[in-house]
């Protein structure tokens, strides 16, 4: 019996994933340029005193790098959905979760002044 691929188990239109990839790529570029701190939940609602504790540009770049990794993973999943086994979705999910954890840790360590 043939192993199921991502294409076999995915539902929904492909154009929707393309829209998400373009949106994530645009957000990644904005954040990697050190702009867009207003996009960061928690930071944009922090008081001025709390914001002074962080290097805003570095924080944006860390979050942009994490977003870029997620964007690349989505592109890989879309491009190779006919080849990748269905179980690879679990691996990609774990990588995204670890990426989010690393972004949180780096955001609260190296991004502090």
PDB file of N, CA and C in Angstrom:
ATOM      1  N   UNK A   1       0.835  -1.181   0.000  1.00  0.00           N
ATOM      2  CA  UNK A   1       0.000   0.000   0.000  1.00  0.00           C
ATOM      3  C   UNK A   1       0.883   1.248   0.000  1.00  0.00           C
ATOM      4  N   UNK A   2       0.501   2.201  -0.823  1.00  0.00           N
ATOM      5  CA  UNK A   2       1.269   3.438  -0.959  1.00  0.00           C
ATOM      6  C   UNK A   2       1.069   4.334   0.257  1.00  0.00           C
ATOM      7  N   UNK A   3       2.174   4.906   0.749  1.00  0.00           N
ATOM      8  CA  UNK A   3       2.099   5.822   1.888  1.00  0.00           C
ATOM      9  C   UNK A   3       1.446   7.130   1.458  1.00  0.00           C
ATOM     10  N   UNK A   4       0.606   7.676   2.324  1.00  0.00           N
ATOM     11  CA  UNK A   4      -0.077   8.931   2.004  1.00  0.00           C
ATOM     12  C   UNK A   4       0.914  10.089   2.027  1.00  0.00           C
ATOM     13  N   UNK A   5       0.673  11.042   1.134  1.00  0.00           N
ATOM     14  CA  UNK A   5       1.496  12.240   1.087  1.00  0.00           C
ATOM     15  C   UNK A   5       0.721  13.409   1.674  1.00  0.00           C
ATOM     16  N   UNK A   6       1.403  14.534   1.824  1.00  0.00           N
ATOM     17  CA  UNK A   6       0.733  15.741   2.317  1.00  0.00           C
ATOM     18  C   UNK A   6      -0.418  16.139   1.403  1.00  0.00           C
ATOM     19  N   UNK A   7      -0.240  15.956   0.098  1.00  0.00           N
ATOM     20  CA  UNK A   7      -1.295  16.316  -0.858  1.00  0.00           C
ATOM     21  C   UNK A   7      -2.541  15.461  -0.638  1.00  0.00           C
ATOM     22  N   UNK A   8      -2.354  14.215  -0.202  1.00  0.00           N
ATOM     23  CA  UNK A   8      -3.491  13.328   0.029  1.00  0.00           C
ATOM     24  C   UNK A   8      -4.321  13.746   1.233  1.00  0.00           C
ATOM     25  N   UNK A   9      -3.691  14.314   2.227  1.00  0.00           N
ATOM     26  CA  UNK A   9      -4.403  14.638   3.470  1.00  0.00           C
ATOM     27  C   UNK A   9      -4.728  16.120   3.622  1.00  0.00           C
ATOM     28  N   UNK A  10      -4.199  16.945   2.724  1.00  0.00           N
ATOM     29  CA  UNK A  10      -4.470  18.384   2.849  1.00  0.00           C
ATOM     30  C   UNK A  10      -5.855  18.696   2.301  1.00  0.00           C
ATOM     31  N   UNK A  11      -6.479  19.665   2.928  1.00  0.00           N
ATOM     32  CA  UNK A  11      -7.800  20.098   2.484  1.00  0.00           C
ATOM     33  C   UNK A  11      -7.758  21.596   2.231  1.00  0.00           C
ATOM     34  N   UNK A  12      -8.674  22.077   1.488  1.00  0.00           N
ATOM     35  CA  UNK A  12      -8.739  23.504   1.225  1.00  0.00           C
ATOM     36  C   UNK A  12      -8.010  23.880  -0.045  1.00  0.00           C
ATOM     37  N   UNK A  13      -8.266  25.083  -0.509  1.00  0.00           N
ATOM     38  CA  UNK A  13      -7.652  25.528  -1.762  1.00  0.00           C
ATOM     39  C   UNK A  13      -6.180  25.895  -1.584  1.00  0.00           C
ATOM     40  N   UNK A  14      -5.393  25.637  -2.623  1.00  0.00           N
ATOM     41  CA  UNK A  14      -3.971  25.961  -2.598  1.00  0.00           C
ATOM     42  C   UNK A  14      -3.739  27.469  -2.561  1.00  0.00           C
ATOM     43  N   UNK A  15      -4.619  28.247  -3.196  1.00  0.00           N
ATOM     44  CA  UNK A  15      -4.416  29.695  -3.249  1.00  0.00           C
ATOM     45  C   UNK A  15      -4.401  30.303  -1.853  1.00  0.00           C
ATOM     46  N   UNK A  16      -5.118  29.700  -0.922  1.00  0.00           N
ATOM     47  CA  UNK A  16      -5.143  30.229   0.437  1.00  0.00           C
ATOM     48  C   UNK A  16      -3.773  30.112   1.097  1.00  0.00           C
ATOM     49  N   UNK A  17      -3.102  28.996   0.866  1.00  0.00           N
ATOM     50  CA  UNK A  17      -1.755  28.824   1.418  1.00  0.00           C
ATOM     51  C   UNK A  17      -0.779  29.804   0.768  1.00  0.00           C
ATOM     52  N   UNK A  18      -0.952  30.063  -0.526  1.00  0.00           N
ATOM     53  CA  UNK A  18      -0.102  31.052  -1.191  1.00  0.00           C
ATOM     54  C   UNK A  18      -0.293  32.437  -0.586  1.00  0.00           C
ATOM     55  N   UNK A  19      -1.519  32.798  -0.262  1.00  0.00           N
ATOM     56  CA  UNK A  19      -1.795  34.091   0.367  1.00  0.00           C
ATOM     57  C   UNK A  19      -1.098  34.165   1.729  1.00  0.00           C
ATOM     58  N   UNK A  20      -1.179  33.089   2.509  1.00  0.00           N
ATOM     59  CA  UNK A  20      -0.536  33.056   3.822  1.00  0.00           C
ATOM     60  C   UNK A  20       0.976  33.166   3.677  1.00  0.00           C
ATOM     61  N   UNK A  21       1.552  32.475   2.708  1.00  0.00           N
ATOM     62  CA  UNK A  21       3.004  32.533   2.491  1.00  0.00           C
ATOM     63  C   UNK A  21       3.433  33.949   2.127  1.00  0.00           C
ATOM     64  N   UNK A  22       2.699  34.608   1.234  1.00  0.00           N
ATOM     65  CA  UNK A  22       3.044  35.982   0.839  1.00  0.00           C
ATOM     66  C   UNK A  22       2.912  36.923   2.034  1.00  0.00           C
ATOM     67  N   UNK A  23       1.857  36.754   2.825  1.00  0.00           N
ATOM     68  CA  UNK A  23       1.656  37.590   4.010  1.00  0.00           C
ATOM     69  C   UNK A  23       2.784  37.392   5.024  1.00  0.00           C
ATOM     70  N   UNK A  24       3.130  36.136   5.300  1.00  0.00           N
ATOM     71  CA  UNK A  24       4.220  35.848   6.234  1.00  0.00           C
ATOM     72  C   UNK A  24       5.551  36.383   5.715  1.00  0.00           C
ATOM     73  N   UNK A  25       5.783  36.259   4.405  1.00  0.00           N
ATOM     74  CA  UNK A  25       7.033  36.764   3.829  1.00  0.00           C
ATOM     75  C   UNK A  25       7.119  38.283   3.981  1.00  0.00           C
ATOM     76  N   UNK A  26       6.011  38.966   3.727  1.00  0.00           N
ATOM     77  CA  UNK A  26       6.002  40.429   3.868  1.00  0.00           C
ATOM     78  C   UNK A  26       6.254  40.831   5.321  1.00  0.00           C
ATOM     79  N   UNK A  27       5.616  40.152   6.259  1.00  0.00           N
ATOM     80  CA  UNK A  27       5.820  40.447   7.676  1.00  0.00           C
ATOM     81  C   UNK A  27       7.262  40.157   8.086  1.00  0.00           C
ATOM     82  N   UNK A  28       7.826  39.081   7.562  1.00  0.00           N
ATOM     83  CA  UNK A  28       9.215  38.740   7.874  1.00  0.00           C
ATOM     84  C   UNK A  28      10.163  39.836   7.410  1.00  0.00           C
ATOM     85  N   UNK A  29       9.956  40.334   6.210  1.00  0.00           N
ATOM     86  CA  UNK A  29      10.823  41.375   5.665  1.00  0.00           C
ATOM     87  C   UNK A  29      10.713  42.642   6.508  1.00  0.00           C
ATOM     88  N   UNK A  30       9.486  43.018   6.847  1.00  0.00           N
ATOM     89  CA  UNK A  30       9.281  44.219   7.672  1.00  0.00           C
ATOM     90  C   UNK A  30      10.008  44.083   9.009  1.00  0.00           C
ATOM     91  N   UNK A  31       9.858  42.927   9.648  1.00  0.00           N
ATOM     92  CA  UNK A  31      10.491  42.722  10.951  1.00  0.00           C
ATOM     93  C   UNK A  31      12.009  42.606  10.832  1.00  0.00           C
ATOM     94  N   UNK A  32      12.499  41.954   9.791  1.00  0.00           N
ATOM     95  CA  UNK A  32      13.953  41.828   9.614  1.00  0.00           C
ATOM     96  C   UNK A  32      14.616  43.171   9.352  1.00  0.00           C
ATOM     97  N   UNK A  33      13.867  44.130   8.835  1.00  0.00           N
ATOM     98  CA  UNK A  33      14.405  45.474   8.640  1.00  0.00           C
ATOM     99  C   UNK A  33      14.457  46.246   9.948  1.00  0.00           C
ATOM    100  N   UNK A  34      13.936  45.662  11.027  1.00  0.00           N
ATOM    101  CA  UNK A  34      13.953  46.338  12.320  1.00  0.00           C
ATOM    102  C   UNK A  34      12.760  47.242  12.521  1.00  0.00           C
ATOM    103  N   UNK A  35      11.794  47.142  11.649  1.00  0.00           N
ATOM    104  CA  UNK A  35      10.576  47.953  11.732  1.00  0.00           C
ATOM    105  C   UNK A  35       9.422  47.064  12.189  1.00  0.00           C
ATOM    106  N   UNK A  36       8.283  47.655  12.434  1.00  0.00           N
ATOM    107  CA  UNK A  36       7.083  46.880  12.711  1.00  0.00           C
ATOM    108  C   UNK A  36       6.954  46.378  14.129  1.00  0.00           C
ATOM    109  N   UNK A  37       7.512  47.094  15.083  1.00  0.00           N
ATOM    110  CA  UNK A  37       7.377  46.667  16.479  1.00  0.00           C
ATOM    111  C   UNK A  37       5.916  46.673  16.902  1.00  0.00           C
ATOM    112  N   UNK A  38       5.100  47.471  16.222  1.00  0.00           N
ATOM    113  CA  UNK A  38       3.675  47.516  16.544  1.00  0.00           C
ATOM    114  C   UNK A  38       2.980  46.198  16.207  1.00  0.00           C
ATOM    115  N   UNK A  39       3.648  45.317  15.444  1.00  0.00           N
ATOM    116  CA  UNK A  39       3.083  44.007  15.121  1.00  0.00           C
ATOM    117  C   UNK A  39       3.305  42.973  16.232  1.00  0.00           C
ATOM    118  N   UNK A  40       4.190  43.279  17.157  1.00  0.00           N
ATOM    119  CA  UNK A  40       4.568  42.304  18.177  1.00  0.00           C
ATOM    120  C   UNK A  40       3.616  42.396  19.370  1.00  0.00           C
ATOM    121  N   UNK A  41       2.825  41.355  19.527  1.00  0.00           N
ATOM    122  CA  UNK A  41       1.882  41.315  20.648  1.00  0.00           C
ATOM    123  C   UNK A  41       2.662  41.333  21.954  1.00  0.00           C
ATOM    124  N   UNK A  42       2.209  42.096  22.887  1.00  0.00           N
ATOM    125  CA  UNK A  42       2.886  42.222  24.167  1.00  0.00           C
ATOM    126  C   UNK A  42       3.807  43.422  24.192  1.00  0.00           C
ATOM    127  N   UNK A  43       4.596  43.568  23.132  1.00  0.00           N
ATOM    128  CA  UNK A  43       5.497  44.722  23.080  1.00  0.00           C
ATOM    129  C   UNK A  43       4.714  45.996  22.773  1.00  0.00           C
ATOM    130  N   UNK A  44       3.786  45.899  21.832  1.00  0.00           N
ATOM    131  CA  UNK A  44       3.052  47.102  21.448  1.00  0.00           C
ATOM    132  C   UNK A  44       2.077  47.562  22.528  1.00  0.00           C
ATOM    133  N   UNK A  45       1.739  46.694  23.461  1.00  0.00           N
ATOM    134  CA  UNK A  45       0.836  47.081  24.553  1.00  0.00           C
ATOM    135  C   UNK A  45       1.587  47.382  25.848  1.00  0.00           C
ATOM    136  N   UNK A  46       2.907  47.240  25.811  1.00  0.00           N
ATOM    137  CA  UNK A  46       3.707  47.489  27.014  1.00  0.00           C
ATOM    138  C   UNK A  46       3.782  48.991  27.293  1.00  0.00           C
ATOM    139  N   UNK A  47       4.034  49.312  28.536  1.00  0.00           N
ATOM    140  CA  UNK A  47       4.192  50.711  28.910  1.00  0.00           C
ATOM    141  C   UNK A  47       5.540  51.222  28.378  1.00  0.00           C
ATOM    142  N   UNK A  48       5.686  52.513  28.337  1.00  0.00           N
ATOM    143  CA  UNK A  48       6.939  53.105  27.855  1.00  0.00           C
ATOM    144  C   UNK A  48       8.121  52.657  28.705  1.00  0.00           C
ATOM    145  N   UNK A  49       7.895  52.508  30.001  1.00  0.00           N
ATOM    146  CA  UNK A  49       8.959  52.054  30.902  1.00  0.00           C
ATOM    147  C   UNK A  49       9.407  50.641  30.530  1.00  0.00           C
ATOM    148  N   UNK A  50       8.445  49.755  30.254  1.00  0.00           N
ATOM    149  CA  UNK A  50       8.781  48.386  29.875  1.00  0.00           C
ATOM    150  C   UNK A  50       9.445  48.340  28.497  1.00  0.00           C
ATOM    151  N   UNK A  51       9.001  49.190  27.584  1.00  0.00           N
ATOM    152  CA  UNK A  51       9.595  49.214  26.247  1.00  0.00           C
ATOM    153  C   UNK A  51      11.049  49.658  26.290  1.00  0.00           C
ATOM    154  N   UNK A  52      11.402  50.530  27.213  1.00  0.00           N
ATOM    155  CA  UNK A  52      12.786  51.001  27.318  1.00  0.00           C
ATOM    156  C   UNK A  52      13.743  49.877  27.731  1.00  0.00           C
ATOM    157  N   UNK A  53      13.214  48.792  28.290  1.00  0.00           N
ATOM    158  CA  UNK A  53      14.058  47.670  28.716  1.00  0.00           C
ATOM    159  C   UNK A  53      14.515  46.807  27.536  1.00  0.00           C
ATOM    160  N   UNK A  54      13.933  46.998  26.350  1.00  0.00           N
ATOM    161  CA  UNK A  54      14.228  46.154  25.198  1.00  0.00           C
ATOM    162  C   UNK A  54      14.864  46.954  24.081  1.00  0.00           C
ATOM    163  N   UNK A  55      15.729  46.286  23.330  1.00  0.00           N
ATOM    164  CA  UNK A  55      16.287  46.846  22.106  1.00  0.00           C
ATOM    165  C   UNK A  55      15.278  46.531  20.999  1.00  0.00           C
ATOM    166  N   UNK A  56      14.513  47.546  20.608  1.00  0.00           N
ATOM    167  CA  UNK A  56      13.392  47.345  19.681  1.00  0.00           C
ATOM    168  C   UNK A  56      13.841  46.761  18.347  1.00  0.00           C
ATOM    169  N   UNK A  57      14.921  47.268  17.808  1.00  0.00           N
ATOM    170  CA  UNK A  57      15.404  46.795  16.505  1.00  0.00           C
ATOM    171  C   UNK A  57      15.829  45.325  16.578  1.00  0.00           C
ATOM    172  N   UNK A  58      16.541  44.967  17.635  1.00  0.00           N
ATOM    173  CA  UNK A  58      16.986  43.581  17.798  1.00  0.00           C
ATOM    174  C   UNK A  58      15.787  42.650  18.006  1.00  0.00           C
ATOM    175  N   UNK A  59      14.806  43.113  18.776  1.00  0.00           N
ATOM    176  CA  UNK A  59      13.604  42.329  19.016  1.00  0.00           C
ATOM    177  C   UNK A  59      12.861  42.076  17.703  1.00  0.00           C
ATOM    178  N   UNK A  60      12.742  43.104  16.880  1.00  0.00           N
ATOM    179  CA  UNK A  60      12.082  42.949  15.578  1.00  0.00           C
ATOM    180  C   UNK A  60      12.843  41.955  14.707  1.00  0.00           C
ATOM    181  N   UNK A  61      14.152  42.032  14.722  1.00  0.00           N
ATOM    182  CA  UNK A  61      14.951  41.123  13.890  1.00  0.00           C
ATOM    183  C   UNK A  61      14.856  39.677  14.360  1.00  0.00           C
ATOM    184  N   UNK A  62      14.836  39.458  15.652  1.00  0.00           N
ATOM    185  CA  UNK A  62      14.678  38.097  16.178  1.00  0.00           C
ATOM    186  C   UNK A  62      13.330  37.527  15.753  1.00  0.00           C
ATOM    187  N   UNK A  63      12.282  38.308  15.913  1.00  0.00           N
ATOM    188  CA  UNK A  63      10.943  37.841  15.544  1.00  0.00           C
ATOM    189  C   UNK A  63      10.830  37.673  14.023  1.00  0.00           C
ATOM    190  N   UNK A  64      11.480  38.546  13.268  1.00  0.00           N
ATOM    191  CA  UNK A  64      11.480  38.416  11.815  1.00  0.00           C
ATOM    192  C   UNK A  64      12.195  37.162  11.346  1.00  0.00           C
ATOM    193  N   UNK A  65      13.284  36.821  12.017  1.00  0.00           N
ATOM    194  CA  UNK A  65      13.989  35.582  11.684  1.00  0.00           C
ATOM    195  C   UNK A  65      13.142  34.352  11.948  1.00  0.00           C
ATOM    196  N   UNK A  66      12.437  34.378  13.060  1.00  0.00           N
ATOM    197  CA  UNK A  66      11.532  33.265  13.367  1.00  0.00           C
ATOM    198  C   UNK A  66      10.401  33.163  12.368  1.00  0.00           C
ATOM    199  N   UNK A  67       9.846  34.314  11.982  1.00  0.00           N
ATOM    200  CA  UNK A  67       8.782  34.325  10.974  1.00  0.00           C
ATOM    201  C   UNK A  67       9.307  33.845   9.621  1.00  0.00           C
ATOM    202  N   UNK A  68      10.538  34.205   9.292  1.00  0.00           N
ATOM    203  CA  UNK A  68      11.129  33.778   8.022  1.00  0.00           C
ATOM    204  C   UNK A  68      11.283  32.261   7.989  1.00  0.00           C
ATOM    205  N   UNK A  69      11.680  31.663   9.107  1.00  0.00           N
ATOM    206  CA  UNK A  69      11.801  30.208   9.167  1.00  0.00           C
ATOM    207  C   UNK A  69      10.443  29.548   8.946  1.00  0.00           C
ATOM    208  N   UNK A  70       9.418  30.062   9.567  1.00  0.00           N
ATOM    209  CA  UNK A  70       8.073  29.509   9.386  1.00  0.00           C
ATOM    210  C   UNK A  70       7.628  29.670   7.935  1.00  0.00           C
ATOM    211  N   UNK A  71       7.948  30.805   7.324  1.00  0.00           N
ATOM    212  CA  UNK A  71       7.599  31.042   5.928  1.00  0.00           C
ATOM    213  C   UNK A  71       8.286  30.024   5.019  1.00  0.00           C
ATOM    214  N   UNK A  72       9.571  29.787   5.260  1.00  0.00           N
ATOM    215  CA  UNK A  72      10.315  28.814   4.453  1.00  0.00           C
ATOM    216  C   UNK A  72       9.732  27.413   4.630  1.00  0.00           C
ATOM    217  N   UNK A  73       9.378  27.050   5.847  1.00  0.00           N
ATOM    218  CA  UNK A  73       8.770  25.740   6.079  1.00  0.00           C
ATOM    219  C   UNK A  73       7.448  25.600   5.324  1.00  0.00           C
ATOM    220  N   UNK A  74       6.640  26.645   5.328  1.00  0.00           N
ATOM    221  CA  UNK A  74       5.382  26.609   4.575  1.00  0.00           C
ATOM    222  C   UNK A  74       5.636  26.460   3.079  1.00  0.00           C
ATOM    223  N   UNK A  75       6.652  27.165   2.568  1.00  0.00           N
ATOM    224  CA  UNK A  75       6.972  27.050   1.145  1.00  0.00           C
ATOM    225  C   UNK A  75       7.439  25.642   0.801  1.00  0.00           C
ATOM    226  N   UNK A  76       8.238  25.043   1.668  1.00  0.00           N
ATOM    227  CA  UNK A  76       8.706  23.671   1.438  1.00  0.00           C
ATOM    228  C   UNK A  76       7.522  22.709   1.443  1.00  0.00           C
ATOM    229  N   UNK A  77       6.635  22.887   2.401  1.00  0.00           N
ATOM    230  CA  UNK A  77       5.468  22.000   2.463  1.00  0.00           C
ATOM    231  C   UNK A  77       4.596  22.147   1.219  1.00  0.00           C
ATOM    232  N   UNK A  78       4.412  23.355   0.732  1.00  0.00           N
ATOM    233  CA  UNK A  78       3.589  23.574  -0.463  1.00  0.00           C
ATOM    234  C   UNK A  78       4.274  23.018  -1.702  1.00  0.00           C
ATOM    235  N   UNK A  79       5.543  23.290  -1.842  1.00  0.00           N
ATOM    236  CA  UNK A  79       6.270  22.884  -3.044  1.00  0.00           C
ATOM    237  C   UNK A  79       6.398  21.370  -3.158  1.00  0.00           C
ATOM    238  N   UNK A  80       6.614  20.700  -2.037  1.00  0.00           N
ATOM    239  CA  UNK A  80       6.869  19.260  -2.059  1.00  0.00           C
ATOM    240  C   UNK A  80       5.728  18.442  -1.455  1.00  0.00           C
ATOM    241  N   UNK A  81       4.509  18.967  -1.521  1.00  0.00           N
ATOM    242  CA  UNK A  81       3.384  18.261  -0.911  1.00  0.00           C
ATOM    243  C   UNK A  81       3.093  16.923  -1.581  1.00  0.00           C
ATOM    244  N   UNK A  82       3.478  16.769  -2.850  1.00  0.00           N
ATOM    245  CA  UNK A  82       3.247  15.504  -3.547  1.00  0.00           C
ATOM    246  C   UNK A  82       4.286  14.449  -3.200  1.00  0.00           C
ATOM    247  N   UNK A  83       5.393  14.863  -2.595  1.00  0.00           N
ATOM    248  CA  UNK A  83       6.499  13.954  -2.292  1.00  0.00           C
ATOM    249  C   UNK A  83       6.596  13.649  -0.801  1.00  0.00           C
ATOM    250  N   UNK A  84       6.387  14.665   0.029  1.00  0.00           N
ATOM    251  CA  UNK A  84       6.544  14.495   1.480  1.00  0.00           C
ATOM    252  C   UNK A  84       5.458  13.590   2.051  1.00  0.00           C
ATOM    253  N   UNK A  85       5.848  12.687   2.953  1.00  0.00           N
ATOM    254  CA  UNK A  85       4.838  11.852   3.593  1.00  0.00           C
ATOM    255  C   UNK A  85       3.935  12.680   4.505  1.00  0.00           C
ATOM    256  N   UNK A  86       2.736  12.192   4.725  1.00  0.00           N
ATOM    257  CA  UNK A  86       1.766  12.913   5.550  1.00  0.00           C
ATOM    258  C   UNK A  86       2.299  13.145   6.961  1.00  0.00           C
ATOM    259  N   UNK A  87       3.104  12.237   7.461  1.00  0.00           N
ATOM    260  CA  UNK A  87       3.652  12.361   8.815  1.00  0.00           C
ATOM    261  C   UNK A  87       4.620  13.538   8.933  1.00  0.00           C
ATOM    262  N   UNK A  88       5.107  14.055   7.816  1.00  0.00           N
ATOM    263  CA  UNK A  88       6.032  15.190   7.884  1.00  0.00           C
ATOM    264  C   UNK A  88       5.348  16.434   8.424  1.00  0.00           C
ATOM    265  N   UNK A  89       4.027  16.496   8.368  1.00  0.00           N
ATOM    266  CA  UNK A  89       3.300  17.632   8.943  1.00  0.00           C
ATOM    267  C   UNK A  89       3.550  17.717  10.441  1.00  0.00           C
ATOM    268  N   UNK A  90       3.669  16.571  11.091  1.00  0.00           N
ATOM    269  CA  UNK A  90       3.973  16.557  12.529  1.00  0.00           C
ATOM    270  C   UNK A  90       5.371  17.108  12.791  1.00  0.00           C
ATOM    271  N   UNK A  91       6.310  16.748  11.951  1.00  0.00           N
ATOM    272  CA  UNK A  91       7.680  17.228  12.108  1.00  0.00           C
ATOM    273  C   UNK A  91       7.727  18.735  11.909  1.00  0.00           C
ATOM    274  N   UNK A  92       7.052  19.226  10.886  1.00  0.00           N
ATOM    275  CA  UNK A  92       7.014  20.666  10.643  1.00  0.00           C
ATOM    276  C   UNK A  92       6.347  21.391  11.805  1.00  0.00           C
ATOM    277  N   UNK A  93       5.305  20.792  12.354  1.00  0.00           N
ATOM    278  CA  UNK A  93       4.635  21.392  13.513  1.00  0.00           C
ATOM    279  C   UNK A  93       5.554  21.496  14.716  1.00  0.00           C
ATOM    280  N   UNK A  94       6.343  20.452  14.953  1.00  0.00           N
ATOM    281  CA  UNK A  94       7.289  20.464  16.072  1.00  0.00           C
ATOM    282  C   UNK A  94       8.361  21.525  15.841  1.00  0.00           C
ATOM    283  N   UNK A  95       8.842  21.654  14.599  1.00  0.00           N
ATOM    284  CA  UNK A  95       9.856  22.661  14.286  1.00  0.00           C
ATOM    285  C   UNK A  95       9.290  24.067  14.515  1.00  0.00           C
ATOM    286  N   UNK A  96       8.052  24.305  14.117  1.00  0.00           N
ATOM    287  CA  UNK A  96       7.419  25.611  14.331  1.00  0.00           C
ATOM    288  C   UNK A  96       7.278  25.886  15.827  1.00  0.00           C
ATOM    289  N   UNK A  97       6.882  24.895  16.592  1.00  0.00           N
ATOM    290  CA  UNK A  97       6.761  25.060  18.039  1.00  0.00           C
ATOM    291  C   UNK A  97       8.117  25.396  18.665  1.00  0.00           C
ATOM    292  N   UNK A  98       9.157  24.677  18.278  1.00  0.00           N
ATOM    293  CA  UNK A  98      10.503  24.962  18.791  1.00  0.00           C
ATOM    294  C   UNK A  98      10.973  26.346  18.368  1.00  0.00           C
ATOM    295  N   UNK A  99      10.640  26.746  17.147  1.00  0.00           N
ATOM    296  CA  UNK A  99      10.985  28.083  16.660  1.00  0.00           C
ATOM    297  C   UNK A  99      10.331  29.151  17.527  1.00  0.00           C
ATOM    298  N   UNK A 100       9.067  28.945  17.866  1.00  0.00           N
ATOM    299  CA  UNK A 100       8.362  29.912  18.720  1.00  0.00           C
ATOM    300  C   UNK A 100       8.990  29.982  20.112  1.00  0.00           C
ATOM    301  N   UNK A 101       9.389  28.842  20.649  1.00  0.00           N
ATOM    302  CA  UNK A 101      10.036  28.817  21.960  1.00  0.00           C
ATOM    303  C   UNK A 101      11.362  29.570  21.904  1.00  0.00           C
ATOM    304  N   UNK A 102      12.150  29.317  20.848  1.00  0.00           N
ATOM    305  CA  UNK A 102      13.440  30.000  20.696  1.00  0.00           C
ATOM    306  C   UNK A 102      13.226  31.500  20.552  1.00  0.00           C
ATOM    307  N   UNK A 103      12.207  31.917  19.789  1.00  0.00           N
ATOM    308  CA  UNK A 103      11.939  33.355  19.640  1.00  0.00           C
ATOM    309  C   UNK A 103      11.591  33.985  20.987  1.00  0.00           C
ATOM    310  N   UNK A 104      10.800  33.293  21.784  1.00  0.00           N
ATOM    311  CA  UNK A 104      10.439  33.830  23.108  1.00  0.00           C
ATOM    312  C   UNK A 104      11.654  33.937  24.017  1.00  0.00           C
ATOM    313  N   UNK A 105      12.486  32.905  24.011  1.00  0.00           N
ATOM    314  CA  UNK A 105      13.681  32.918  24.863  1.00  0.00           C
ATOM    315  C   UNK A 105      14.637  34.024  24.421  1.00  0.00           C
ATOM    316  N   UNK A 106      14.900  34.110  23.120  1.00  0.00           N
ATOM    317  CA  UNK A 106      15.805  35.152  22.626  1.00  0.00           C
ATOM    318  C   UNK A 106      15.230  36.533  22.832  1.00  0.00           C
ATOM    319  N   UNK A 107      13.920  36.668  22.675  1.00  0.00           N
ATOM    320  CA  UNK A 107      13.283  37.964  22.879  1.00  0.00           C
ATOM    321  C   UNK A 107      13.396  38.448  24.308  1.00  0.00           C
ATOM    322  N   UNK A 108      13.459  37.515  25.240  1.00  0.00           N
ATOM    323  CA  UNK A 108      13.551  37.889  26.652  1.00  0.00           C
ATOM    324  C   UNK A 108      14.966  37.841  27.207  1.00  0.00           C
ATOM    325  N   UNK A 109      15.947  37.481  26.380  1.00  0.00           N
ATOM    326  CA  UNK A 109      17.336  37.451  26.853  1.00  0.00           C
ATOM    327  C   UNK A 109      18.198  38.425  26.075  1.00  0.00           C
ATOM    328  N   UNK A 110      18.514  38.102  24.824  1.00  0.00           N
ATOM    329  CA  UNK A 110      19.465  38.944  24.085  1.00  0.00           C
ATOM    330  C   UNK A 110      18.861  40.278  23.635  1.00  0.00           C
ATOM    331  N   UNK A 111      17.551  40.372  23.642  1.00  0.00           N
ATOM    332  CA  UNK A 111      16.920  41.627  23.193  1.00  0.00           C
ATOM    333  C   UNK A 111      16.746  42.629  24.339  1.00  0.00           C
ATOM    334  N   UNK A 112      17.066  42.232  25.549  1.00  0.00           N
ATOM    335  CA  UNK A 112      16.988  43.178  26.668  1.00  0.00           C
ATOM    336  C   UNK A 112      18.226  44.046  26.663  1.00  0.00           C
ATOM    337  N   UNK A 113      18.058  45.293  27.088  1.00  0.00           N
ATOM    338  CA  UNK A 113      19.185  46.223  27.155  1.00  0.00           C
ATOM    339  C   UNK A 113      20.002  45.970  28.396  1.00  0.00           C
TER     340      UNK A 113
END
